[in-house]
């Protein structure tokens, strides 16, 4: 099972227990939480298997989910 790295942004005012449920869904599917964000936005980076990533897209408490990739400036 291949996992890809994503940045997951949680919607504002999402209860902490709902965030925990999302993380539990990722880890129970074989993924991992790599880093948590709480300064500019609430969310985390995670390695998520493809099937689990597909099931999280459109989740009511997820604001955005994008592939984590290196960014460069010129």
Protein backbone atom coordinates (compact mmCIF):
# COMPACT_ATOMS: atom_id res chain seq x y z
CA UNK A 1 0.00 0.00 0.00
CA UNK A 2 1.51 3.31 -1.12
CA UNK A 3 1.14 6.37 1.07
CA UNK A 4 1.55 9.94 -0.09
CA UNK A 5 2.34 12.97 2.03
CA UNK A 6 -0.47 15.54 2.42
CA UNK A 7 -1.05 18.81 4.22
CA UNK A 8 -4.49 18.62 5.85
CA UNK A 9 -6.16 21.89 6.90
CA UNK A 10 -8.98 21.57 9.41
CA UNK A 11 -11.99 23.89 9.28
CA UNK A 12 -12.09 26.64 11.87
CA UNK A 13 -14.09 25.80 15.02
CA UNK A 14 -13.86 22.03 14.45
CA UNK A 15 -14.03 20.33 17.88
CA UNK A 16 -10.80 18.67 19.03
CA UNK A 17 -12.52 15.27 19.26
CA UNK A 18 -13.37 15.48 15.53
CA UNK A 19 -9.73 16.23 14.70
CA UNK A 20 -8.73 13.20 16.76
CA UNK A 21 -11.20 11.02 14.81
CA UNK A 22 -9.66 12.16 11.51
CA UNK A 23 -6.16 11.36 12.76
CA UNK A 24 -7.32 7.98 14.07
CA UNK A 25 -8.83 7.20 10.66
CA UNK A 26 -5.47 7.97 9.03
CA UNK A 27 -3.39 5.91 11.45
CA UNK A 28 -5.80 2.96 11.49
CA UNK A 29 -5.50 2.77 7.70
CA UNK A 30 -1.71 2.48 7.91
CA UNK A 31 -0.88 6.19 7.64
CA UNK A 32 1.04 8.42 10.01
CA UNK A 33 0.82 11.96 11.35
CA UNK A 34 4.14 13.71 10.74
CA UNK A 35 3.73 17.28 11.98
CA UNK A 36 0.97 19.37 13.53
CA UNK A 37 0.22 22.98 12.65
CA UNK A 38 -1.59 25.41 14.93
CA UNK A 39 -0.12 28.86 14.32
CA UNK A 40 -1.35 30.00 10.91
CA UNK A 41 -3.97 27.29 10.59
CA UNK A 42 -5.12 24.17 12.36
CA UNK A 43 -3.99 21.01 10.64
CA UNK A 44 -1.21 18.54 10.13
CA UNK A 45 1.01 16.84 7.59
CA UNK A 46 0.48 13.13 7.21
CA UNK A 47 1.44 10.16 5.10
CA UNK A 48 -1.90 8.78 3.97
CA UNK A 49 -2.58 5.64 1.92
CA UNK A 50 -4.43 6.36 -1.34
CA UNK A 51 -7.69 4.70 -0.32
CA UNK A 52 -7.83 6.61 2.98
CA UNK A 53 -6.93 9.89 1.23
CA UNK A 54 -9.80 9.40 -1.20
CA UNK A 55 -12.24 8.76 1.66
CA UNK A 56 -11.13 11.96 3.46
CA UNK A 57 -11.67 14.24 0.45
CA UNK A 58 -14.88 16.14 1.03
CA UNK A 59 -14.88 15.36 4.78
CA UNK A 60 -17.12 17.84 6.59
CA UNK A 61 -14.33 18.99 8.94
CA UNK A 62 -11.50 19.22 6.39
CA UNK A 63 -11.10 22.63 4.76
CA UNK A 64 -8.36 21.59 2.32
CA UNK A 65 -6.13 18.62 1.65
CA UNK A 66 -3.22 18.96 -0.75
CA UNK A 67 -0.19 16.93 -1.67
CA UNK A 68 2.81 18.06 0.39
CA UNK A 69 5.55 19.09 -1.99
CA UNK A 70 8.69 21.16 -2.03
CA UNK A 71 8.17 24.77 -3.06
CA UNK A 72 10.88 26.92 -4.63
CA UNK A 73 11.21 30.65 -5.11
CA UNK A 74 13.14 32.20 -7.92
